[in-house]
Protein backbone atom coordinates (compact mmCIF):
# COMPACT_ATOMS: atom_id res chain seq x y z
CA UNK A 1 149.47 44.98 2.56
CA UNK A 2 150.64 44.17 -0.96
CA UNK A 3 147.20 42.72 -1.68
CA UNK A 4 145.43 45.61 0.04
CA UNK A 5 147.22 48.32 -1.94
CA UNK A 6 146.91 46.45 -5.23
CA UNK A 7 143.14 46.13 -5.05
CA UNK A 8 142.99 49.73 -3.81
CA UNK A 9 144.68 50.81 -7.06
CA UNK A 10 142.47 48.52 -9.16
CA UNK A 11 139.17 49.69 -7.76
CA UNK A 12 140.24 53.32 -7.51
CA UNK A 13 141.13 53.22 -11.20
CA UNK A 14 137.83 51.67 -12.25
CA UNK A 15 135.63 53.69 -9.86
CA UNK A 16 137.19 57.08 -10.52
CA UNK A 17 136.19 56.64 -14.17
CA UNK A 18 132.59 55.98 -13.08
CA UNK A 19 132.52 59.14 -10.95
CA UNK A 20 133.93 61.18 -13.84
CA UNK A 21 131.34 59.89 -16.32
CA UNK A 22 129.07 62.94 -16.08
CA UNK A 23 132.10 65.23 -16.58
CA UNK A 24 134.07 63.50 -19.33
CA UNK A 25 131.09 62.13 -21.26
CA UNK A 26 130.58 65.30 -23.34
CA UNK A 27 134.37 65.66 -23.80
CA UNK A 28 134.77 62.29 -25.54
CA UNK A 29 131.24 61.63 -26.80
CA UNK A 30 129.54 64.92 -27.76
CA UNK A 31 125.77 64.45 -27.92
CA UNK A 32 122.60 66.51 -28.17
CA UNK A 33 121.58 65.23 -24.72
CA UNK A 34 123.47 64.67 -21.47
CA UNK A 35 121.93 61.18 -21.25
CA UNK A 36 123.42 60.25 -24.64
CA UNK A 37 126.95 61.23 -23.56
CA UNK A 38 126.57 59.37 -20.25
CA UNK A 39 125.33 56.20 -21.95
CA UNK A 40 128.22 56.22 -24.45
CA UNK A 41 130.77 56.76 -21.67
CA UNK A 42 129.22 53.98 -19.58
CA UNK A 43 129.47 51.69 -22.61
CA UNK A 44 133.24 52.33 -22.62
CA UNK A 45 133.18 51.54 -18.89
CA UNK A 46 131.84 48.12 -19.90
CA UNK A 47 134.63 47.68 -22.50
CA UNK A 48 137.20 47.47 -19.71
CA UNK A 49 135.33 44.50 -18.32
CA UNK A 50 135.15 42.67 -21.63
CA UNK A 51 138.96 42.43 -21.56
CA UNK A 52 139.08 41.04 -18.02
CA UNK A 53 138.63 37.31 -18.86
CA UNK A 54 141.56 37.55 -21.27
CA UNK A 55 143.60 39.05 -18.45
CA UNK A 56 142.34 36.35 -16.13
CA UNK A 57 143.53 33.63 -18.51
CA UNK A 58 146.93 35.17 -19.32
CA UNK A 59 147.80 36.41 -15.84
CA UNK A 60 146.17 33.40 -14.18
CA UNK A 61 148.41 31.09 -16.19
CA UNK A 62 151.43 33.16 -15.22
CA UNK A 63 150.39 32.99 -11.57
CA UNK A 64 149.90 29.21 -11.64
CA UNK A 65 153.06 28.54 -13.64
CA UNK A 66 155.56 31.22 -12.49
CA UNK A 67 154.16 32.30 -9.17
CA UNK A 68 151.70 34.67 -7.57
CA UNK A 69 154.35 37.36 -7.05
CA UNK A 70 155.27 37.68 -10.75
CA UNK A 71 151.64 37.96 -11.77
CA UNK A 72 150.87 40.59 -9.14
CA UNK A 73 153.80 42.77 -10.24
CA UNK A 74 152.49 42.72 -13.82
CA UNK A 75 148.90 43.56 -12.86
CA UNK A 76 149.68 46.64 -10.78
CA UNK A 77 152.07 48.04 -13.41
CA UNK A 78 149.50 47.60 -16.17
CA UNK A 79 146.65 49.14 -14.20
CA UNK A 80 148.61 52.14 -13.00
CA UNK A 81 150.05 52.88 -16.44
CA UNK A 82 146.63 52.60 -18.12
CA UNK A 83 144.93 55.02 -15.72
CA UNK A 84 147.82 57.48 -15.90
CA UNK A 85 147.62 57.44 -19.71
CA UNK A 86 143.87 58.03 -19.52
CA UNK A 87 144.60 61.26 -17.68
CA UNK A 88 146.77 62.40 -20.60
CA UNK A 89 144.31 61.63 -23.43
CA UNK A 90 143.23 64.38 -25.85
CA UNK A 91 139.49 65.12 -26.06
CA UNK A 92 137.10 64.98 -29.03
CA UNK A 93 137.46 68.71 -29.67
CA UNK A 94 141.23 68.26 -30.01
CA UNK A 95 141.59 65.13 -32.16
CA UNK A 96 138.04 64.18 -33.17
CA UNK A 97 137.02 60.52 -33.34
CA UNK A 98 140.55 59.45 -32.32
CA UNK A 99 139.76 60.55 -28.75
CA UNK A 100 137.08 57.92 -27.98
CA UNK A 101 139.14 55.27 -29.79
CA UNK A 102 142.14 56.00 -27.55
CA UNK A 103 139.88 55.92 -24.51
CA UNK A 104 138.65 52.47 -25.52
CA UNK A 105 142.22 51.19 -26.03
CA UNK A 106 143.33 52.43 -22.61
CA UNK A 107 140.26 50.86 -20.99
CA UNK A 108 141.15 47.56 -22.68
CA UNK A 109 144.68 47.70 -21.21
CA UNK A 110 143.18 48.54 -17.83
CA UNK A 111 140.79 45.59 -18.11
CA UNK A 112 143.45 43.04 -19.08
CA UNK A 113 145.64 44.10 -16.16
CA UNK A 114 142.81 44.16 -13.65
CA UNK A 115 141.69 40.70 -14.79
CA UNK A 116 144.34 39.06 -12.64
CA UNK A 117 144.66 41.54 -9.77
CA UNK A 118 142.03 40.95 -7.08
CA UNK A 119 142.02 37.17 -7.44
CA UNK A 120 145.81 37.04 -7.33
CA UNK A 121 145.87 39.20 -4.21
CA UNK A 122 143.30 37.14 -2.33
CA UNK A 123 144.95 33.90 -3.49
CA UNK A 124 148.30 35.00 -2.07
CA UNK A 125 146.69 36.15 1.18
CA UNK A 126 144.63 32.97 1.63
CA UNK A 127 147.57 30.69 0.86
CA UNK A 128 149.82 32.57 3.27
CA UNK A 129 147.33 32.78 6.16
CA UNK A 130 147.47 30.57 9.24
CA UNK A 131 144.50 28.44 10.39
CA UNK A 132 141.75 30.41 12.08
CA UNK A 133 142.72 33.70 10.43
CA UNK A 134 142.27 33.00 6.73
CA UNK A 135 138.95 34.89 6.61
CA UNK A 136 140.36 37.93 8.38
CA UNK A 137 143.55 38.19 6.30
CA UNK A 138 141.74 37.45 3.05
CA UNK A 139 139.27 40.25 3.86
CA UNK A 140 142.09 42.79 3.41
CA UNK A 141 141.79 42.32 -0.36
CA UNK A 142 138.12 43.44 -0.59
CA UNK A 143 138.98 46.00 2.12
CA UNK A 144 141.50 47.45 -0.35
CA UNK A 145 138.81 47.41 -3.04
CA UNK A 146 136.44 49.26 -0.70
CA UNK A 147 139.11 51.82 0.15
CA UNK A 148 139.76 52.48 -3.53
CA UNK A 149 136.03 52.84 -4.17
CA UNK A 150 135.72 55.32 -1.26
CA UNK A 151 138.84 57.24 -2.24
CA UNK A 152 137.68 57.82 -5.82
CA UNK A 153 134.69 60.07 -5.04
CA UNK A 154 136.68 61.83 -2.29
CA UNK A 155 139.38 62.82 -4.80
CA UNK A 156 136.83 63.77 -7.47
CA UNK A 157 134.87 65.75 -4.87
CA UNK A 158 138.00 67.58 -3.71
CA UNK A 159 138.97 68.50 -7.27
CA UNK A 160 135.39 69.62 -7.97
CA UNK A 161 135.43 71.85 -4.88
CA UNK A 162 138.77 73.45 -5.78
CA UNK A 163 138.00 74.16 -9.44
CA UNK A 164 135.32 76.05 -11.34
CA UNK A 165 133.00 74.09 -13.68
CA UNK A 166 135.01 75.40 -16.64
CA UNK A 167 138.34 74.36 -15.10
CA UNK A 168 136.93 70.94 -14.18
CA UNK A 169 135.82 70.32 -17.77
CA UNK A 170 139.08 71.72 -19.18
CA UNK A 171 141.79 70.04 -17.10
CA UNK A 172 140.52 69.27 -13.58
CA UNK A 173 139.08 65.87 -14.57
CA UNK A 174 142.61 64.70 -15.39
CA UNK A 175 143.93 65.09 -11.83
CA UNK A 176 142.13 62.07 -10.24
CA UNK A 177 143.39 59.88 -13.10
CA UNK A 178 147.00 61.09 -12.89
CA UNK A 179 147.05 60.44 -9.13
CA UNK A 180 146.95 56.74 -9.91
CA UNK A 181 150.71 56.88 -10.59
CA UNK A 182 151.89 57.59 -7.00
CA UNK A 183 149.43 54.98 -5.68
CA UNK A 184 150.89 52.45 -8.10
CA UNK A 185 154.44 53.22 -6.95
CA UNK A 186 153.47 52.62 -3.30
CA UNK A 187 151.94 49.26 -4.21
CA UNK A 188 154.97 48.34 -6.30
CA UNK A 189 157.24 49.07 -3.32
CA UNK A 190 155.36 46.46 -1.28
CA UNK A 191 155.14 43.88 -4.04
CA UNK A 192 158.85 43.94 -4.87
CA UNK A 193 159.41 42.75 -1.28
CA UNK A 194 156.97 39.85 -1.54
CA UNK A 195 157.76 36.16 -1.35
CA UNK A 196 155.52 33.64 -3.04
CA UNK A 197 152.99 31.82 -0.88
CA UNK A 198 154.08 28.70 1.03
CA UNK A 199 151.55 26.65 -0.92
CA UNK A 200 152.92 27.67 -4.31
CA UNK A 201 156.52 27.08 -3.21
CA UNK A 202 155.50 23.63 -1.98
CA UNK A 203 153.79 22.96 -5.33
CA UNK A 204 157.04 23.80 -7.13
CA UNK A 205 159.10 21.60 -4.80
CA UNK A 206 156.76 18.65 -5.44
CA UNK A 207 156.89 19.30 -9.22
CA UNK A 208 153.07 19.38 -9.35
CA UNK A 209 152.55 22.48 -11.47
CA UNK A 210 150.08 21.92 -14.32
CA UNK A 211 151.35 22.39 -17.88
CA UNK A 212 148.09 23.97 -19.11
CA UNK A 213 146.06 25.42 -16.22
CA UNK A 214 143.29 26.62 -18.56
CA UNK A 215 142.74 23.18 -20.11
CA UNK A 216 142.92 21.55 -16.68
CA UNK A 217 140.37 23.83 -15.09
CA UNK A 218 137.95 23.68 -18.03
CA UNK A 219 138.05 19.90 -18.25
CA UNK A 220 138.00 18.97 -14.56
CA UNK A 221 136.56 21.89 -12.62
CA UNK A 222 133.68 23.24 -14.74
CA UNK A 223 131.05 22.86 -11.95
CA UNK A 224 133.19 25.15 -9.78
CA UNK A 225 133.52 27.58 -12.71
CA UNK A 226 129.73 27.81 -13.03
CA UNK A 227 129.21 28.34 -9.28
CA UNK A 228 131.94 30.95 -8.93
CA UNK A 229 130.75 32.79 -12.05
CA UNK A 230 127.22 33.07 -10.66
CA UNK A 231 128.48 34.22 -7.26
CA UNK A 232 130.59 36.84 -9.04
CA UNK A 233 127.59 37.98 -11.08
CA UNK A 234 125.56 38.42 -7.90
CA UNK A 235 128.18 40.22 -5.81
CA UNK A 236 129.40 42.48 -8.64
CA UNK A 237 125.91 43.38 -9.80
CA UNK A 238 124.90 44.51 -6.32
CA UNK A 239 128.17 46.36 -5.74
CA UNK A 240 128.26 48.20 -9.05
CA UNK A 241 124.68 49.45 -8.89
CA UNK A 242 125.59 50.91 -5.48
CA UNK A 243 128.97 52.38 -6.40
CA UNK A 244 128.68 53.24 -10.11
CA UNK A 245 125.01 54.02 -10.71
CA UNK A 246 123.87 55.67 -7.46
CA UNK A 247 125.94 58.81 -8.13
CA UNK A 248 124.32 59.15 -11.58
CA UNK A 249 120.90 58.59 -9.96
CA UNK A 250 121.45 61.24 -7.30
CA UNK A 251 122.79 63.81 -9.80
CA UNK A 252 120.56 63.28 -12.83
CA UNK A 253 117.33 62.02 -11.23
CA UNK A 254 117.26 63.44 -7.71
CA UNK A 255 118.96 66.71 -8.69
CA UNK A 256 121.63 66.85 -5.99
CA UNK A 257 124.72 68.94 -6.79
CA UNK A 258 127.67 66.98 -8.23
CA UNK A 259 130.10 68.04 -5.51
CA UNK A 260 127.64 67.11 -2.75
CA UNK A 261 127.07 63.68 -4.31
CA UNK A 262 130.81 62.98 -4.55
CA UNK A 263 131.29 63.87 -0.90
CA UNK A 264 128.28 62.02 0.50
CA UNK A 265 129.35 58.95 -1.52
CA UNK A 266 132.88 59.17 -0.15
CA UNK A 267 131.60 59.52 3.43
CA UNK A 268 129.13 56.63 3.17
CA UNK A 269 131.69 54.38 1.48
CA UNK A 270 134.36 55.22 4.08
CA UNK A 271 132.01 54.65 7.03
CA UNK A 272 131.12 51.23 5.63
CA UNK A 273 134.79 50.10 5.35
CA UNK A 274 135.03 48.52 8.85
CA UNK A 275 132.37 46.04 7.74
CA UNK A 276 135.03 44.24 5.68
CA UNK A 277 137.06 43.43 8.80
CA UNK A 278 133.94 42.43 10.73
CA UNK A 279 132.98 40.15 7.86
CA UNK A 280 136.45 38.55 7.84
CA UNK A 281 136.23 37.85 11.58
CA UNK A 282 132.76 36.36 11.12
CA UNK A 283 134.05 34.06 8.35
CA UNK A 284 136.63 32.60 10.74
CA UNK A 285 133.93 32.09 13.37
CA UNK A 286 130.81 31.17 11.38
CA UNK A 287 132.11 30.04 8.00
CA UNK A 288 132.10 31.46 4.50
CA UNK A 289 128.64 30.24 3.53
CA UNK A 290 126.69 31.73 6.44
CA UNK A 291 128.27 35.15 6.16
CA UNK A 292 127.71 35.35 2.40
CA UNK A 293 124.06 34.32 2.76
CA UNK A 294 123.52 36.94 5.46
CA UNK A 295 124.98 39.72 3.30
CA UNK A 296 123.01 38.77 0.20
CA UNK A 297 119.75 38.48 2.18
CA UNK A 298 120.32 41.94 3.68
CA UNK A 299 120.91 43.43 0.19
CA UNK A 300 117.71 41.81 -1.04
CA UNK A 301 115.67 43.35 1.77
CA UNK A 302 117.28 46.80 1.99
CA UNK A 303 117.92 47.81 -1.65
CA UNK A 304 114.50 49.19 -2.61
CA UNK A 305 113.77 50.97 0.72
CA UNK A 306 117.23 52.57 0.70
CA UNK A 307 116.83 53.87 -2.87
CA UNK A 308 113.35 55.20 -2.02
CA UNK A 309 114.77 57.13 0.92
CA UNK A 310 117.64 58.50 -1.17
CA UNK A 311 115.20 59.70 -3.81
CA UNK A 312 112.68 61.34 -1.48
CA UNK A 313 114.69 62.59 1.50
CA UNK A 314 115.26 66.32 1.61
CA UNK A 315 118.31 66.02 3.84
CA UNK A 316 121.77 65.06 2.61
CA UNK A 317 122.41 63.48 6.02
CA UNK A 318 119.44 61.14 5.56
CA UNK A 319 120.53 60.30 1.99
CA UNK A 320 124.03 59.47 3.25
CA UNK A 321 122.67 57.28 6.07
CA UNK A 322 120.39 55.37 3.69
CA UNK A 323 123.30 54.81 1.32
CA UNK A 324 125.53 53.73 4.23
CA UNK A 325 123.06 51.10 5.48
CA UNK A 326 122.80 49.30 2.15
CA UNK A 327 126.58 49.55 1.65
CA UNK A 328 127.07 47.72 4.96
CA UNK A 329 124.97 44.84 3.64
CA UNK A 330 127.03 44.75 0.44
CA UNK A 331 130.35 44.91 2.29
CA UNK A 332 129.30 42.06 4.58
CA UNK A 333 128.90 39.82 1.52
CA UNK A 334 132.12 40.71 -0.32
CA UNK A 335 134.83 39.01 1.83
CA UNK A 336 133.01 35.64 1.81
CA UNK A 337 132.48 36.03 -1.94
CA UNK A 338 136.25 36.39 -2.41
CA UNK A 339 136.77 33.37 -0.14
CA UNK A 340 134.35 31.37 -2.30
CA UNK A 341 136.37 32.24 -5.41
CA UNK A 342 139.65 30.81 -4.08
CA UNK A 343 138.20 28.02 -1.92
CA UNK A 344 136.57 26.47 -4.98
CA UNK A 345 139.80 25.44 -6.76
CA UNK A 346 142.93 23.43 -5.83
CA UNK A 347 146.34 25.12 -5.60
CA UNK A 348 147.63 24.04 -9.03
CA UNK A 349 144.84 25.84 -10.93
CA UNK A 350 143.54 28.22 -8.24
CA UNK A 351 144.70 31.45 -9.86
CA UNK A 352 143.48 30.49 -13.35
CA UNK A 353 140.18 28.95 -12.27
CA UNK A 354 139.21 31.71 -9.88
CA UNK A 355 140.35 34.53 -12.19
CA UNK A 356 138.55 33.12 -15.24
CA UNK A 357 135.28 32.51 -13.37
CA UNK A 358 135.42 35.77 -11.43
CA UNK A 359 136.03 37.85 -14.55
CA UNK A 360 133.26 36.24 -16.59
CA UNK A 361 130.92 37.01 -13.72
CA UNK A 362 132.36 40.51 -13.44
CA UNK A 363 131.62 41.27 -17.11
CA UNK A 364 127.95 40.47 -16.56
CA UNK A 365 127.57 41.75 -13.03
CA UNK A 366 130.05 44.63 -13.08
CA UNK A 367 130.80 45.85 -16.57
CA UNK A 368 127.25 45.82 -17.93
CA UNK A 369 125.44 46.86 -14.75
CA UNK A 370 126.07 50.66 -14.77
CA UNK A 371 125.10 50.88 -18.45
CA UNK A 372 122.15 48.54 -17.94
CA UNK A 373 121.02 50.52 -14.91
CA UNK A 374 121.05 53.77 -16.87
CA UNK A 375 119.18 52.12 -19.77
CA UNK A 376 116.57 50.64 -17.42
CA UNK A 377 116.05 53.98 -15.71
CA UNK A 378 115.67 55.75 -19.07
CA UNK A 379 113.31 53.10 -20.48
CA UNK A 380 111.06 53.06 -17.42
CA UNK A 381 111.27 56.75 -16.67
CA UNK A 382 112.19 55.94 -13.09
CA UNK A 383 115.64 56.39 -11.57
CA UNK A 384 114.56 53.93 -8.88
CA UNK A 385 114.17 51.02 -11.32
CA UNK A 386 117.80 49.75 -11.01
CA UNK A 387 117.11 48.83 -7.36
CA UNK A 388 115.30 45.82 -8.83
CA UNK A 389 118.64 44.71 -10.33
CA UNK A 390 120.10 44.53 -6.82
CA UNK A 391 117.20 42.41 -5.58
CA UNK A 392 117.42 39.97 -8.50
CA UNK A 393 121.22 39.68 -8.27
CA UNK A 394 121.15 39.09 -4.51
CA UNK A 395 118.47 36.43 -5.01
CA UNK A 396 120.74 34.66 -7.54
CA UNK A 397 123.55 34.67 -4.97
CA UNK A 398 121.24 33.18 -2.35
CA UNK A 399 119.94 30.41 -4.61
CA UNK A 400 123.38 29.41 -5.93
CA UNK A 401 124.91 29.24 -2.46
CA UNK A 402 121.98 27.39 -0.89
CA UNK A 403 122.04 24.74 -3.62
CA UNK A 404 125.85 24.38 -3.92
CA UNK A 405 128.12 22.08 -1.91
CA UNK A 406 129.40 23.73 1.23
CA UNK A 407 132.47 25.85 0.67
CA UNK A 408 135.45 24.93 2.77
CA UNK A 409 139.22 24.89 3.00
CA UNK A 410 139.78 21.32 1.79
CA UNK A 411 141.70 22.67 -1.23
CA UNK A 412 144.20 24.44 1.04
CA UNK A 413 147.34 22.74 2.29
CA UNK A 414 148.43 23.08 5.91
CA UNK A 415 149.12 26.77 6.40
CA UNK A 416 151.81 28.25 8.67
CA UNK A 417 151.17 28.04 12.37
CA UNK A 418 149.42 30.94 14.09
CA UNK A 419 152.22 33.33 15.12
CA UNK A 420 150.21 34.61 18.08
CA UNK A 421 151.77 33.27 21.32
CA UNK A 422 149.41 30.83 23.00
CA UNK A 423 148.41 31.24 26.65
CA UNK A 424 149.83 28.49 28.86
């Protein structure tokens, strides 16, 4: 639950910004065109991702040297504080050029903190799981991410419904950002009650902690870094086109009302959440590799047809269903992707290696994708063009996984016994 709520906060914080782009863009980046404000605000979205590898290195080292618990307390505090501060920022009309500069600084703090969050959460869950349930319990981390992604448009949609356009532009946009504070306090309550994983405690007892996890992972585990980075590029690229660009596509290209888009996004994202648990169960039965390949293949096949339906359907129900189908494919691939990240490194450098690789891949696949999608759509004159990004990214994930050594649990020590009473 500590991992679930932490990634919920992380992905709520990052996604709520994406859903507010069309509202806050003109407030921080006044422009002659709506597209210019959106592009500038999406560029700041990418700034948060540039800081993530630094966070991965700093917090990863803390996690490998001092423990997973200490690192996870720091990440959730940093993320929650950054998003709360974003909700208090003055706009361009109030302080001029200082407004976008402050927005960039807060996004950098958010990025550094988030750089060690998801990987730390899934590392703790995987190291604490018992044999035969590692996939299921590890899937709660991406499940938390999916919940945060679904919650963001629901909150933005609710605020949009309860305020006038003038109120939304004046102060309503701040509410979804300020709500990050109570979410952070709930997560902190869980994390203060955490113990470190059995594997890390055993590492300490055996005096096998590495003095410089970064140097160790770069010198001895660079093939794993390359593989994990490419898997992260693929999974993040697919996910962020679906969660961060589709709302811009439906509003600016298809012409659907903002409030309707927020709500249909929230419904589709929420309906796709059970896929995370199904994926975790499949990992324990079929293995990480097979489930990841299945999810990536489905994204490759479904992306373009789903976007075509969303762009041409006259019914919001049909648009929501098309969005839901492709989200299921994406959600099927995410839990095994997280498993790949932590299964690729030994305990002593797991946090650092996975966080560094994941965050480099996230910069390319996550931070640049919404901006790149908007640029591609503008350059081609087609809002459908970014669907090609999904196809290419999914193909990269397929090729990397098919040509890589099989992922497994060889790097994990013997986990606690299954607490479920056996039938005798």
